[in-house]
């Protein structure tokens, strides 16, 4: 059976939540999971870079968990009985453990750092800012049936992880990160 990728059902600005309810493509849930999808593309790009194998493995885990986040965000809470992937406290703990491990070898920060210095470091910062946007979009969802607290915590911690990953990669590549000194050129 050959299923076509295009359905033409979204040609008038509507799409379906998991469960079938049609909503506008600007609906808060669509905005949130669409931004998570964008984030996943950048995390995948990061994983394709020349980085340490343990970072690639962590990013693969993160991609899996982001897919779970997107599924949760795409669910129509009025529909019962659909089993979706879940997010767990240990997913957040995974990020925290990785952040702590990466920070062991980093100098303490005493100022903000400016993005850049190396393409991989810049991609980390792009992913971090998309993650922050996904978190903001999630907070715009006003469906009381959705329990998004773990998704919110995961995205919040993931943005921290991506920032620390940028610092760790800069250190591993001997790239000096530019400290922000206000008003200085």
C-alpha atoms as a PDB file:
ATOM      1  CA  UNK A   1       0.000   0.000   0.000  1.00  0.00           C
ATOM      2  CA  UNK A   2       1.410   3.356  -1.049  1.00  0.00           C
ATOM      3  CA  UNK A   3       0.264   6.231   1.181  1.00  0.00           C
ATOM      4  CA  UNK A   4       0.848   9.721  -0.154  1.00  0.00           C
ATOM      5  CA  UNK A   5       2.543  12.243   2.105  1.00  0.00           C
ATOM      6  CA  UNK A   6       0.156  15.004   1.094  1.00  0.00           C
ATOM      7  CA  UNK A   7      -3.491  14.855   2.106  1.00  0.00           C
ATOM      8  CA  UNK A   8      -4.666  18.340   1.068  1.00  0.00           C
ATOM      9  CA  UNK A   9      -6.648  18.492   4.338  1.00  0.00           C
ATOM     10  CA  UNK A  10      -4.534  21.387   5.578  1.00  0.00           C
ATOM     11  CA  UNK A  11      -4.927  23.553   2.508  1.00  0.00           C
ATOM     12  CA  UNK A  12      -7.359  25.891   4.256  1.00  0.00           C
ATOM     13  CA  UNK A  13      -5.288  26.582   7.376  1.00  0.00           C
ATOM     14  CA  UNK A  14      -6.541  23.740   9.555  1.00  0.00           C
ATOM     15  CA  UNK A  15      -4.884  20.594  10.878  1.00  0.00           C
ATOM     16  CA  UNK A  16      -5.801  17.762  13.229  1.00  0.00           C
ATOM     17  CA  UNK A  17      -4.802  17.125  16.802  1.00  0.00           C
ATOM     18  CA  UNK A  18      -4.135  13.511  17.757  1.00  0.00           C
ATOM     19  CA  UNK A  19      -7.678  12.250  18.151  1.00  0.00           C
ATOM     20  CA  UNK A  20      -8.989  13.947  15.026  1.00  0.00           C
ATOM     21  CA  UNK A  21     -10.310  17.345  16.143  1.00  0.00           C
ATOM     22  CA  UNK A  22      -9.588  19.998  13.509  1.00  0.00           C
ATOM     23  CA  UNK A  23      -8.019  23.242  14.712  1.00  0.00           C
ATOM     24  CA  UNK A  24      -6.375  26.271  13.150  1.00  0.00           C
ATOM     25  CA  UNK A  25      -2.704  25.918  12.322  1.00  0.00           C
ATOM     26  CA  UNK A  26      -2.210  28.914  14.627  1.00  0.00           C
ATOM     27  CA  UNK A  27      -3.818  27.073  17.591  1.00  0.00           C
ATOM     28  CA  UNK A  28      -1.633  27.241  20.706  1.00  0.00           C
ATOM     29  CA  UNK A  29      -0.999  23.482  20.731  1.00  0.00           C
ATOM     30  CA  UNK A  30       0.068  23.513  17.066  1.00  0.00           C
ATOM     31  CA  UNK A  31       2.416  26.440  17.744  1.00  0.00           C
ATOM     32  CA  UNK A  32       3.922  24.580  20.707  1.00  0.00           C
ATOM     33  CA  UNK A  33       4.495  21.220  19.055  1.00  0.00           C
ATOM     34  CA  UNK A  34       5.574  22.895  15.816  1.00  0.00           C
ATOM     35  CA  UNK A  35       8.297  24.697  17.734  1.00  0.00           C
ATOM     36  CA  UNK A  36       9.330  21.416  19.384  1.00  0.00           C
ATOM     37  CA  UNK A  37       9.552  19.957  15.872  1.00  0.00           C
ATOM     38  CA  UNK A  38      11.809  22.841  14.824  1.00  0.00           C
ATOM     39  CA  UNK A  39      13.915  22.240  17.931  1.00  0.00           C
ATOM     40  CA  UNK A  40      14.225  18.565  17.023  1.00  0.00           C
ATOM     41  CA  UNK A  41      15.603  19.514  13.604  1.00  0.00           C
ATOM     42  CA  UNK A  42      18.369  21.549  15.241  1.00  0.00           C
ATOM     43  CA  UNK A  43      19.115  18.878  17.839  1.00  0.00           C
ATOM     44  CA  UNK A  44      19.406  16.418  14.941  1.00  0.00           C
ATOM     45  CA  UNK A  45      21.765  18.830  13.190  1.00  0.00           C
ATOM     46  CA  UNK A  46      23.862  19.105  16.357  1.00  0.00           C
ATOM     47  CA  UNK A  47      24.016  15.320  16.538  1.00  0.00           C
ATOM     48  CA  UNK A  48      25.357  15.251  12.964  1.00  0.00           C
ATOM     49  CA  UNK A  49      28.283  17.508  13.900  1.00  0.00           C
ATOM     50  CA  UNK A  50      31.754  16.353  14.878  1.00  0.00           C
ATOM     51  CA  UNK A  51      31.122  16.083  18.614  1.00  0.00           C
ATOM     52  CA  UNK A  52      31.963  13.546  21.296  1.00  0.00           C
ATOM     53  CA  UNK A  53      30.150  10.222  21.032  1.00  0.00           C
ATOM     54  CA  UNK A  54      28.632  10.605  24.513  1.00  0.00           C
ATOM     55  CA  UNK A  55      27.071  13.893  23.375  1.00  0.00           C
ATOM     56  CA  UNK A  56      25.637  12.182  20.287  1.00  0.00           C
ATOM     57  CA  UNK A  57      24.117   9.477  22.483  1.00  0.00           C
ATOM     58  CA  UNK A  58      22.630  12.068  24.845  1.00  0.00           C
ATOM     59  CA  UNK A  59      21.188  14.005  21.898  1.00  0.00           C
ATOM     60  CA  UNK A  60      19.578  10.837  20.522  1.00  0.00           C
ATOM     61  CA  UNK A  61      17.885  10.303  23.887  1.00  0.00           C
ATOM     62  CA  UNK A  62      16.816  13.957  23.877  1.00  0.00           C
ATOM     63  CA  UNK A  63      15.328  13.575  20.387  1.00  0.00           C
ATOM     64  CA  UNK A  64      13.264  10.637  21.609  1.00  0.00           C
ATOM     65  CA  UNK A  65      12.012  12.621  24.590  1.00  0.00           C
ATOM     66  CA  UNK A  66      11.246  15.649  22.392  1.00  0.00           C
ATOM     67  CA  UNK A  67       9.124  13.403  20.175  1.00  0.00           C
ATOM     68  CA  UNK A  68       7.229  12.375  23.324  1.00  0.00           C
ATOM     69  CA  UNK A  69       6.807  16.082  24.206  1.00  0.00           C
ATOM     70  CA  UNK A  70       5.449  16.814  20.718  1.00  0.00           C
ATOM     71  CA  UNK A  71       2.988  13.915  21.012  1.00  0.00           C
ATOM     72  CA  UNK A  72       1.742  15.158  24.375  1.00  0.00           C
ATOM     73  CA  UNK A  73       1.356  18.680  23.000  1.00  0.00           C
ATOM     74  CA  UNK A  74      -0.518  17.404  19.922  1.00  0.00           C
ATOM     75  CA  UNK A  75      -3.081  15.388  21.903  1.00  0.00           C
ATOM     76  CA  UNK A  76      -6.743  16.335  21.926  1.00  0.00           C
ATOM     77  CA  UNK A  77      -7.614  15.971  25.592  1.00  0.00           C
ATOM     78  CA  UNK A  78     -11.295  15.491  24.767  1.00  0.00           C
ATOM     79  CA  UNK A  79     -10.467  12.083  23.268  1.00  0.00           C
ATOM     80  CA  UNK A  80      -9.862   9.216  25.667  1.00  0.00           C
ATOM     81  CA  UNK A  81      -8.135   5.889  25.195  1.00  0.00           C
ATOM     82  CA  UNK A  82      -5.218   6.908  22.985  1.00  0.00           C
ATOM     83  CA  UNK A  83      -1.910   5.706  24.380  1.00  0.00           C
ATOM     84  CA  UNK A  84       0.911   8.140  23.766  1.00  0.00           C
ATOM     85  CA  UNK A  85       4.531   8.162  24.860  1.00  0.00           C
ATOM     86  CA  UNK A  86       5.012   9.689  28.282  1.00  0.00           C
ATOM     87  CA  UNK A  87       7.577  11.935  29.865  1.00  0.00           C
ATOM     88  CA  UNK A  88       9.016  10.959  33.244  1.00  0.00           C
ATOM     89  CA  UNK A  89      10.841  12.640  36.127  1.00  0.00           C
ATOM     90  CA  UNK A  90      13.926  10.579  35.233  1.00  0.00           C
ATOM     91  CA  UNK A  91      14.019  12.294  31.809  1.00  0.00           C
ATOM     92  CA  UNK A  92      14.545  15.590  33.603  1.00  0.00           C
ATOM     93  CA  UNK A  93      17.058  13.941  35.952  1.00  0.00           C
ATOM     94  CA  UNK A  94      18.949  12.702  32.882  1.00  0.00           C
ATOM     95  CA  UNK A  95      19.407  16.281  31.716  1.00  0.00           C
ATOM     96  CA  UNK A  96      20.431  17.446  35.183  1.00  0.00           C
ATOM     97  CA  UNK A  97      23.028  14.665  35.531  1.00  0.00           C
ATOM     98  CA  UNK A  98      24.464  15.514  32.118  1.00  0.00           C
ATOM     99  CA  UNK A  99      24.590  19.225  32.938  1.00  0.00           C
ATOM    100  CA  UNK A 100      26.383  18.489  36.226  1.00  0.00           C
ATOM    101  CA  UNK A 101      28.845  16.166  34.490  1.00  0.00           C
ATOM    102  CA  UNK A 102      29.671  18.692  31.750  1.00  0.00           C
ATOM    103  CA  UNK A 103      30.057  21.535  34.241  1.00  0.00           C
ATOM    104  CA  UNK A 104      32.698  19.657  36.266  1.00  0.00           C
ATOM    105  CA  UNK A 105      35.374  20.626  33.745  1.00  0.00           C
ATOM    106  CA  UNK A 106      34.147  24.148  33.001  1.00  0.00           C
ATOM    107  CA  UNK A 107      35.257  27.352  34.596  1.00  0.00           C
ATOM    108  CA  UNK A 108      32.520  29.074  36.583  1.00  0.00           C
ATOM    109  CA  UNK A 109      30.689  31.789  34.678  1.00  0.00           C
ATOM    110  CA  UNK A 110      31.025  35.323  35.975  1.00  0.00           C
ATOM    111  CA  UNK A 111      29.407  37.027  32.981  1.00  0.00           C
ATOM    112  CA  UNK A 112      27.117  36.309  30.068  1.00  0.00           C
ATOM    113  CA  UNK A 113      28.719  34.815  26.977  1.00  0.00           C
ATOM    114  CA  UNK A 114      27.904  35.867  23.445  1.00  0.00           C
ATOM    115  CA  UNK A 115      26.857  33.141  20.991  1.00  0.00           C
ATOM    116  CA  UNK A 116      29.423  32.214  18.395  1.00  0.00           C
ATOM    117  CA  UNK A 117      33.051  31.306  18.079  1.00  0.00           C
ATOM    118  CA  UNK A 118      32.416  28.072  16.183  1.00  0.00           C
ATOM    119  CA  UNK A 119      29.589  26.720  14.020  1.00  0.00           C
ATOM    120  CA  UNK A 120      28.755  23.911  16.462  1.00  0.00           C
ATOM    121  CA  UNK A 121      28.653  26.321  19.394  1.00  0.00           C
ATOM    122  CA  UNK A 122      26.338  28.588  17.392  1.00  0.00           C
ATOM    123  CA  UNK A 123      24.015  25.668  16.592  1.00  0.00           C
ATOM    124  CA  UNK A 124      23.802  24.913  20.318  1.00  0.00           C
ATOM    125  CA  UNK A 125      22.701  28.493  20.938  1.00  0.00           C
ATOM    126  CA  UNK A 126      20.154  28.379  18.111  1.00  0.00           C
ATOM    127  CA  UNK A 127      18.699  25.165  19.568  1.00  0.00           C
ATOM    128  CA  UNK A 128      18.680  26.756  23.042  1.00  0.00           C
ATOM    129  CA  UNK A 129      16.716  29.781  21.855  1.00  0.00           C
ATOM    130  CA  UNK A 130      14.213  27.618  19.967  1.00  0.00           C
ATOM    131  CA  UNK A 131      13.811  25.557  23.131  1.00  0.00           C
ATOM    132  CA  UNK A 132      13.013  28.734  25.084  1.00  0.00           C
ATOM    133  CA  UNK A 133      10.435  29.676  22.438  1.00  0.00           C
ATOM    134  CA  UNK A 134       8.874  26.209  22.679  1.00  0.00           C
ATOM    135  CA  UNK A 135       8.604  26.714  26.426  1.00  0.00           C
ATOM    136  CA  UNK A 136       6.916  30.110  25.965  1.00  0.00           C
ATOM    137  CA  UNK A 137       4.515  28.641  23.404  1.00  0.00           C
ATOM    138  CA  UNK A 138       3.658  25.819  25.786  1.00  0.00           C
ATOM    139  CA  UNK A 139       2.708  28.379  28.440  1.00  0.00           C
ATOM    140  CA  UNK A 140       0.155  29.887  26.024  1.00  0.00           C
ATOM    141  CA  UNK A 141      -1.875  26.676  25.956  1.00  0.00           C
ATOM    142  CA  UNK A 142      -5.025  27.214  27.960  1.00  0.00           C
ATOM    143  CA  UNK A 143      -6.438  23.664  27.957  1.00  0.00           C
ATOM    144  CA  UNK A 144      -7.019  22.627  31.587  1.00  0.00           C
ATOM    145  CA  UNK A 145      -7.162  18.989  30.475  1.00  0.00           C
ATOM    146  CA  UNK A 146      -3.526  19.001  29.445  1.00  0.00           C
ATOM    147  CA  UNK A 147      -1.024  18.255  32.189  1.00  0.00           C
ATOM    148  CA  UNK A 148       2.097  19.838  30.771  1.00  0.00           C
ATOM    149  CA  UNK A 149       4.186  20.284  33.914  1.00  0.00           C
ATOM    150  CA  UNK A 150       6.758  17.628  32.985  1.00  0.00           C
ATOM    151  CA  UNK A 151       6.991  18.944  29.422  1.00  0.00           C
ATOM    152  CA  UNK A 152       7.551  22.439  30.792  1.00  0.00           C
ATOM    153  CA  UNK A 153      10.242  21.218  33.196  1.00  0.00           C
ATOM    154  CA  UNK A 154      11.916  19.157  30.477  1.00  0.00           C
ATOM    155  CA  UNK A 155      12.080  22.090  28.051  1.00  0.00           C
ATOM    156  CA  UNK A 156      13.325  24.408  30.774  1.00  0.00           C
ATOM    157  CA  UNK A 157      16.103  22.009  31.727  1.00  0.00           C
ATOM    158  CA  UNK A 158      16.885  21.238  28.081  1.00  0.00           C
ATOM    159  CA  UNK A 159      17.620  24.908  27.368  1.00  0.00           C
ATOM    160  CA  UNK A 160      20.083  24.830  30.283  1.00  0.00           C
ATOM    161  CA  UNK A 161      21.588  21.614  28.918  1.00  0.00           C
ATOM    162  CA  UNK A 162      22.055  23.172  25.458  1.00  0.00           C
ATOM    163  CA  UNK A 163      23.754  26.222  26.972  1.00  0.00           C
ATOM    164  CA  UNK A 164      26.154  24.065  28.978  1.00  0.00           C
ATOM    165  CA  UNK A 165      26.719  21.866  25.922  1.00  0.00           C
ATOM    166  CA  UNK A 166      27.754  24.975  23.981  1.00  0.00           C
ATOM    167  CA  UNK A 167      30.280  25.803  26.692  1.00  0.00           C
ATOM    168  CA  UNK A 168      31.561  22.232  26.847  1.00  0.00           C
ATOM    169  CA  UNK A 169      31.986  21.984  23.086  1.00  0.00           C
ATOM    170  CA  UNK A 170      33.786  25.343  23.048  1.00  0.00           C
ATOM    171  CA  UNK A 171      36.157  24.020  25.711  1.00  0.00           C
ATOM    172  CA  UNK A 172      36.666  20.705  23.873  1.00  0.00           C
ATOM    173  CA  UNK A 173      37.488  22.589  20.650  1.00  0.00           C
ATOM    174  CA  UNK A 174      39.675  25.153  22.456  1.00  0.00           C
ATOM    175  CA  UNK A 175      37.347  27.946  21.373  1.00  0.00           C
ATOM    176  CA  UNK A 176      37.425  30.979  23.611  1.00  0.00           C
ATOM    177  CA  UNK A 177      33.892  32.078  24.333  1.00  0.00           C
ATOM    178  CA  UNK A 178      33.322  35.793  24.103  1.00  0.00           C
ATOM    179  CA  UNK A 179      32.277  37.231  27.445  1.00  0.00           C
ATOM    180  CA  UNK A 180      29.742  40.008  27.225  1.00  0.00           C
ATOM    181  CA  UNK A 181      31.121  43.248  28.516  1.00  0.00           C
ATOM    182  CA  UNK A 182      28.370  45.854  28.125  1.00  0.00           C
ATOM    183  CA  UNK A 183      29.330  48.798  25.969  1.00  0.00           C
ATOM    184  CA  UNK A 184      32.714  47.359  25.037  1.00  0.00           C
ATOM    185  CA  UNK A 185      33.608  46.712  21.411  1.00  0.00           C
END
